[in-house]
Amino acid sequence: MSQARRQARQQELIGCHDCGNGVSFSAVACPHCGSTEPAGPVVQSRRELRRLRIEATNDRRLIVVTALCTGLGAAYGAVMGAGGAASWWAALGYGFVGAVIGVPAAFVINISRSLFD
């Protein structure tokens, strides 16, 4: 193996975070100690952590608003239905309409809240 090729191969290796032996930067696990994070744990900045918290809050809000609108639609359909199977079909139909309204409504809430944060 030529000197340049050997040197390029050495540059690919990093010290394992856990055992200190050389391991490829692209390795999934250290071949020496089996560590699944040979490059070390991921460290995120405050900005990245804040963005992840905002995304998690937005996801929860989307689920809650959609479920609420779906539930209200289903309840309205069940109450306003003719009775029996018709009430079940009305509940399903109005529940679907509630979901169709809930997703964009939650999106608008998430966007408007992020503008003021």
N, C-alpha and C. Protein backbone atom coordinates (compact mmCIF):
# COMPACT_ATOMS: atom_id res chain seq x y z
N MET A 1 0.85 -1.17 0.00
CA MET A 1 0.00 0.00 0.00
C MET A 1 0.90 1.23 0.00
N SER A 2 0.55 2.21 -0.81
CA SER A 2 1.39 3.39 -0.90
C SER A 2 1.26 4.25 0.36
N GLN A 3 2.24 5.12 0.54
CA GLN A 3 2.27 5.98 1.73
C GLN A 3 1.06 6.92 1.76
N ALA A 4 0.69 7.51 0.63
CA ALA A 4 -0.45 8.44 0.57
C ALA A 4 -1.75 7.72 0.89
N ARG A 5 -1.88 6.50 0.39
CA ARG A 5 -3.10 5.73 0.64
C ARG A 5 -3.20 5.33 2.11
N ARG A 6 -2.08 4.95 2.70
CA ARG A 6 -2.05 4.59 4.12
C ARG A 6 -2.38 5.81 4.99
N GLN A 7 -1.85 6.96 4.59
CA GLN A 7 -2.12 8.18 5.35
C GLN A 7 -3.59 8.58 5.24
N ALA A 8 -4.20 8.44 4.05
CA ALA A 8 -5.63 8.74 3.88
C ALA A 8 -6.47 7.79 4.71
N ARG A 9 -6.05 6.54 4.79
CA ARG A 9 -6.79 5.56 5.58
C ARG A 9 -6.70 5.91 7.07
N GLN A 10 -5.54 6.38 7.53
CA GLN A 10 -5.38 6.77 8.92
C GLN A 10 -6.24 7.99 9.26
N GLN A 11 -6.43 8.90 8.31
CA GLN A 11 -7.23 10.09 8.56
C GLN A 11 -8.71 9.75 8.70
N GLU A 12 -9.14 8.65 8.12
CA GLU A 12 -10.54 8.23 8.24
C GLU A 12 -10.87 7.77 9.65
N LEU A 13 -9.87 7.34 10.40
CA LEU A 13 -10.11 6.78 11.71
C LEU A 13 -10.19 7.87 12.77
N ILE A 14 -11.08 7.63 13.72
CA ILE A 14 -11.20 8.51 14.87
C ILE A 14 -11.02 7.65 16.11
N GLY A 15 -10.74 8.28 17.22
CA GLY A 15 -10.64 7.53 18.47
C GLY A 15 -12.04 7.24 19.00
N CYS A 16 -12.29 6.00 19.36
CA CYS A 16 -13.59 5.62 19.92
C CYS A 16 -13.81 6.40 21.22
N HIS A 17 -14.99 6.90 21.40
CA HIS A 17 -15.33 7.68 22.59
C HIS A 17 -15.22 6.85 23.86
N ASP A 18 -15.50 5.55 23.77
CA ASP A 18 -15.50 4.70 24.95
C ASP A 18 -14.15 4.03 25.24
N CYS A 19 -13.52 3.43 24.20
CA CYS A 19 -12.30 2.66 24.46
C CYS A 19 -11.03 3.35 23.95
N GLY A 20 -11.16 4.33 23.07
CA GLY A 20 -10.00 5.07 22.58
C GLY A 20 -9.32 4.45 21.38
N ASN A 21 -9.67 3.25 20.97
CA ASN A 21 -9.06 2.62 19.80
C ASN A 21 -9.57 3.26 18.52
N GLY A 22 -8.80 3.10 17.43
CA GLY A 22 -9.18 3.67 16.15
C GLY A 22 -10.39 2.96 15.56
N VAL A 23 -11.32 3.77 15.07
CA VAL A 23 -12.52 3.24 14.44
C VAL A 23 -12.91 4.19 13.31
N SER A 24 -13.49 3.65 12.26
CA SER A 24 -13.92 4.47 11.14
C SER A 24 -15.03 5.41 11.58
N PHE A 25 -14.98 6.63 11.06
CA PHE A 25 -16.00 7.62 11.42
C PHE A 25 -17.39 7.18 10.99
N SER A 26 -17.46 6.40 9.91
CA SER A 26 -18.76 5.96 9.40
C SER A 26 -19.22 4.63 10.01
N ALA A 27 -18.47 4.08 10.96
CA ALA A 27 -18.83 2.80 11.57
C ALA A 27 -20.08 2.95 12.43
N VAL A 28 -20.92 1.93 12.40
CA VAL A 28 -22.12 1.91 13.22
C VAL A 28 -21.79 1.58 14.67
N ALA A 29 -20.78 0.73 14.85
CA ALA A 29 -20.35 0.34 16.19
C ALA A 29 -18.84 0.15 16.18
N CYS A 30 -18.23 0.33 17.33
CA CYS A 30 -16.79 0.13 17.47
C CYS A 30 -16.50 -1.38 17.40
N PRO A 31 -15.56 -1.81 16.55
CA PRO A 31 -15.26 -3.24 16.46
C PRO A 31 -14.49 -3.75 17.68
N HIS A 32 -13.94 -2.86 18.48
CA HIS A 32 -13.15 -3.27 19.65
C HIS A 32 -14.01 -3.44 20.89
N CYS A 33 -14.86 -2.46 21.17
CA CYS A 33 -15.63 -2.52 22.42
C CYS A 33 -17.14 -2.68 22.18
N GLY A 34 -17.59 -2.50 20.93
CA GLY A 34 -19.01 -2.66 20.62
C GLY A 34 -19.85 -1.44 20.90
N SER A 35 -19.23 -0.31 21.22
CA SER A 35 -19.97 0.92 21.50
C SER A 35 -20.79 1.32 20.28
N THR A 36 -22.05 1.66 20.49
CA THR A 36 -22.92 2.06 19.38
C THR A 36 -22.78 3.54 19.06
N GLU A 37 -21.98 4.26 19.86
CA GLU A 37 -21.71 5.67 19.58
C GLU A 37 -20.20 5.91 19.62
N PRO A 38 -19.47 5.37 18.64
CA PRO A 38 -18.00 5.50 18.69
C PRO A 38 -17.52 6.95 18.57
N ALA A 39 -18.32 7.81 17.93
CA ALA A 39 -17.92 9.22 17.80
C ALA A 39 -18.31 10.02 19.03
N GLY A 40 -19.02 9.41 19.95
CA GLY A 40 -19.46 10.10 21.16
C GLY A 40 -20.92 10.46 21.07
N PRO A 41 -21.51 10.81 22.20
CA PRO A 41 -22.94 11.15 22.18
C PRO A 41 -23.18 12.44 21.41
N VAL A 42 -24.36 12.53 20.83
CA VAL A 42 -24.73 13.71 20.07
C VAL A 42 -25.00 14.85 21.06
N VAL A 43 -24.36 15.97 20.82
CA VAL A 43 -24.56 17.14 21.66
C VAL A 43 -25.31 18.18 20.83
N GLN A 44 -26.45 18.59 21.33
CA GLN A 44 -27.26 19.55 20.59
C GLN A 44 -27.18 20.92 21.25
N SER A 45 -27.23 21.94 20.43
CA SER A 45 -27.17 23.30 20.94
C SER A 45 -28.50 23.67 21.59
N ARG A 46 -28.49 24.75 22.33
CA ARG A 46 -29.73 25.23 22.96
C ARG A 46 -30.78 25.54 21.90
N ARG A 47 -30.34 26.11 20.81
CA ARG A 47 -31.27 26.47 19.73
C ARG A 47 -31.94 25.22 19.15
N GLU A 48 -31.14 24.17 18.95
CA GLU A 48 -31.69 22.92 18.42
C GLU A 48 -32.65 22.27 19.42
N LEU A 49 -32.29 22.28 20.71
CA LEU A 49 -33.19 21.73 21.74
C LEU A 49 -34.50 22.50 21.79
N ARG A 50 -34.43 23.82 21.68
CA ARG A 50 -35.64 24.65 21.68
C ARG A 50 -36.52 24.31 20.48
N ARG A 51 -35.89 24.15 19.31
CA ARG A 51 -36.64 23.82 18.10
C ARG A 51 -37.32 22.46 18.24
N LEU A 52 -36.62 21.48 18.83
CA LEU A 52 -37.21 20.16 19.02
C LEU A 52 -38.38 20.21 20.00
N ARG A 53 -38.27 21.02 21.07
CA ARG A 53 -39.39 21.17 22.02
C ARG A 53 -40.59 21.81 21.34
N ILE A 54 -40.35 22.82 20.51
CA ILE A 54 -41.45 23.48 19.80
C ILE A 54 -42.13 22.50 18.85
N GLU A 55 -41.34 21.70 18.14
CA GLU A 55 -41.92 20.71 17.23
C GLU A 55 -42.75 19.68 17.98
N ALA A 56 -42.27 19.23 19.13
CA ALA A 56 -43.02 18.26 19.93
C ALA A 56 -44.34 18.86 20.42
N THR A 57 -44.30 20.11 20.85
CA THR A 57 -45.51 20.80 21.29
C THR A 57 -46.49 20.95 20.13
N ASN A 58 -45.99 21.30 18.97
CA ASN A 58 -46.85 21.44 17.79
C ASN A 58 -47.49 20.11 17.41
N ASP A 59 -46.73 19.03 17.51
CA ASP A 59 -47.27 17.70 17.19
C ASP A 59 -48.39 17.33 18.16
N ARG A 60 -48.16 17.57 19.45
CA ARG A 60 -49.21 17.27 20.44
C ARG A 60 -50.45 18.12 20.20
N ARG A 61 -50.25 19.39 19.89
CA ARG A 61 -51.38 20.29 19.63
C ARG A 61 -52.17 19.82 18.41
N LEU A 62 -51.48 19.37 17.37
CA LEU A 62 -52.14 18.87 16.17
C LEU A 62 -53.01 17.66 16.50
N ILE A 63 -52.49 16.75 17.29
CA ILE A 63 -53.25 15.56 17.66
C ILE A 63 -54.45 15.92 18.52
N VAL A 64 -54.26 16.79 19.49
CA VAL A 64 -55.36 17.15 20.40
C VAL A 64 -56.46 17.89 19.66
N VAL A 65 -56.11 18.88 18.84
CA VAL A 65 -57.14 19.65 18.12
C VAL A 65 -57.87 18.76 17.13
N THR A 66 -57.16 17.89 16.43
CA THR A 66 -57.81 16.99 15.48
C THR A 66 -58.74 16.01 16.20
N ALA A 67 -58.28 15.45 17.31
CA ALA A 67 -59.12 14.52 18.07
C ALA A 67 -60.35 15.23 18.63
N LEU A 68 -60.17 16.45 19.10
CA LEU A 68 -61.29 17.22 19.63
C LEU A 68 -62.33 17.51 18.55
N CYS A 69 -61.88 17.96 17.40
CA CYS A 69 -62.82 18.25 16.30
C CYS A 69 -63.50 16.97 15.80
N THR A 70 -62.75 15.88 15.73
CA THR A 70 -63.33 14.60 15.32
C THR A 70 -64.38 14.14 16.32
N GLY A 71 -64.05 14.24 17.61
CA GLY A 71 -64.99 13.85 18.65
C GLY A 71 -66.25 14.70 18.64
N LEU A 72 -66.09 16.01 18.48
CA LEU A 72 -67.27 16.89 18.42
C LEU A 72 -68.13 16.57 17.20
N GLY A 73 -67.48 16.32 16.08
CA GLY A 73 -68.24 15.96 14.87
C GLY A 73 -68.97 14.65 15.04
N ALA A 74 -68.32 13.67 15.63
CA ALA A 74 -68.97 12.37 15.85
C ALA A 74 -70.13 12.49 16.83
N ALA A 75 -69.94 13.28 17.88
CA ALA A 75 -71.03 13.47 18.85
C ALA A 75 -72.21 14.18 18.19
N TYR A 76 -71.94 15.19 17.39
CA TYR A 76 -73.01 15.91 16.69
C TYR A 76 -73.75 14.96 15.75
N GLY A 77 -73.01 14.14 15.00
CA GLY A 77 -73.64 13.20 14.08
C GLY A 77 -74.48 12.16 14.81
N ALA A 78 -73.99 11.70 15.96
CA ALA A 78 -74.74 10.70 16.73
C ALA A 78 -76.03 11.28 17.28
N VAL A 79 -75.99 12.52 17.73
CA VAL A 79 -77.18 13.16 18.30
C VAL A 79 -78.18 13.53 17.21
N MET A 80 -77.69 14.00 16.09
CA MET A 80 -78.58 14.49 15.03
C MET A 80 -79.04 13.38 14.09
N GLY A 81 -78.47 12.20 14.18
CA GLY A 81 -78.86 11.10 13.30
C GLY A 81 -80.28 10.63 13.59
N ALA A 82 -80.84 9.88 12.65
CA ALA A 82 -82.23 9.42 12.76
C ALA A 82 -82.38 8.29 13.78
N GLY A 83 -81.30 7.72 14.21
CA GLY A 83 -81.36 6.61 15.17
C GLY A 83 -80.85 5.34 14.55
N GLY A 84 -80.38 4.42 15.38
CA GLY A 84 -79.88 3.14 14.89
C GLY A 84 -78.63 3.30 14.06
N ALA A 85 -78.61 2.59 12.93
CA ALA A 85 -77.44 2.60 12.05
C ALA A 85 -77.22 3.97 11.42
N ALA A 86 -78.31 4.72 11.21
CA ALA A 86 -78.18 6.06 10.62
C ALA A 86 -77.37 6.97 11.54
N SER A 87 -77.56 6.82 12.84
CA SER A 87 -76.79 7.64 13.78
C SER A 87 -75.30 7.28 13.72
N TRP A 88 -75.00 5.98 13.56
CA TRP A 88 -73.60 5.57 13.45
C TRP A 88 -72.96 6.14 12.19
N TRP A 89 -73.69 6.08 11.07
CA TRP A 89 -73.16 6.63 9.82
C TRP A 89 -73.00 8.14 9.90
N ALA A 90 -73.96 8.80 10.53
CA ALA A 90 -73.85 10.25 10.70
C ALA A 90 -72.66 10.59 11.60
N ALA A 91 -72.47 9.81 12.65
CA ALA A 91 -71.33 10.05 13.54
C ALA A 91 -70.02 9.88 12.79
N LEU A 92 -69.90 8.84 11.97
CA LEU A 92 -68.69 8.63 11.18
C LEU A 92 -68.47 9.76 10.18
N GLY A 93 -69.54 10.16 9.50
CA GLY A 93 -69.43 11.24 8.51
C GLY A 93 -69.03 12.56 9.14
N TYR A 94 -69.72 12.94 10.21
CA TYR A 94 -69.39 14.20 10.86
C TYR A 94 -68.04 14.12 11.58
N GLY A 95 -67.67 12.95 12.06
CA GLY A 95 -66.34 12.78 12.63
C GLY A 95 -65.25 13.00 11.60
N PHE A 96 -65.47 12.49 10.38
CA PHE A 96 -64.52 12.72 9.30
C PHE A 96 -64.44 14.20 8.95
N VAL A 97 -65.59 14.86 8.88
CA VAL A 97 -65.61 16.30 8.61
C VAL A 97 -64.85 17.04 9.71
N GLY A 98 -65.04 16.62 10.95
CA GLY A 98 -64.30 17.24 12.06
C GLY A 98 -62.80 17.07 11.91
N ALA A 99 -62.37 15.89 11.47
CA ALA A 99 -60.94 15.66 11.26
C ALA A 99 -60.41 16.53 10.12
N VAL A 100 -61.20 16.65 9.06
CA VAL A 100 -60.79 17.47 7.92
C VAL A 100 -60.68 18.94 8.33
N ILE A 101 -61.52 19.38 9.25
CA ILE A 101 -61.45 20.76 9.74
C ILE A 101 -60.35 20.89 10.81
N GLY A 102 -60.16 19.86 11.62
CA GLY A 102 -59.22 19.93 12.74
C GLY A 102 -57.77 20.04 12.32
N VAL A 103 -57.35 19.33 11.28
CA VAL A 103 -55.95 19.37 10.86
C VAL A 103 -55.54 20.76 10.40
N PRO A 104 -56.28 21.41 9.49
CA PRO A 104 -55.89 22.77 9.11
C PRO A 104 -56.01 23.77 10.27
N ALA A 105 -57.01 23.56 11.14
CA ALA A 105 -57.16 24.46 12.28
C ALA A 105 -55.94 24.36 13.20
N ALA A 106 -55.48 23.15 13.46
CA ALA A 106 -54.28 22.97 14.30
C ALA A 106 -53.05 23.55 13.61
N PHE A 107 -52.97 23.41 12.30
CA PHE A 107 -51.85 23.98 11.56
C PHE A 107 -51.83 25.50 11.70
N VAL A 108 -52.99 26.12 11.56
CA VAL A 108 -53.07 27.58 11.70
C VAL A 108 -52.71 28.00 13.12
N ILE A 109 -53.16 27.26 14.11
CA ILE A 109 -52.81 27.57 15.51
C ILE A 109 -51.30 27.46 15.70
N ASN A 110 -50.69 26.40 15.17
CA ASN A 110 -49.24 26.23 15.32
C ASN A 110 -48.46 27.34 14.64
N ILE A 111 -48.88 27.71 13.44
CA ILE A 111 -48.19 28.77 12.72
C ILE A 111 -48.35 30.10 13.42
N SER A 112 -49.56 30.41 13.85
CA SER A 112 -49.77 31.70 14.50
C SER A 112 -49.04 31.78 15.84
N ARG A 113 -48.95 30.68 16.56
CA ARG A 113 -48.22 30.70 17.84
C ARG A 113 -46.72 30.85 17.62
N SER A 114 -46.20 30.25 16.55
CA SER A 114 -44.77 30.38 16.30
C SER A 114 -44.39 31.78 15.86
N LEU A 115 -45.34 32.53 15.30
CA LEU A 115 -45.06 33.91 14.91
C LEU A 115 -44.89 34.81 16.12
N PHE A 116 -45.55 34.48 17.20
CA PHE A 116 -45.53 35.33 18.39
C PHE A 116 -44.57 34.85 19.46
N ASP A 117 -43.89 33.72 19.24
CA ASP A 117 -42.92 33.20 20.23
C ASP A 117 -41.59 33.84 20.06
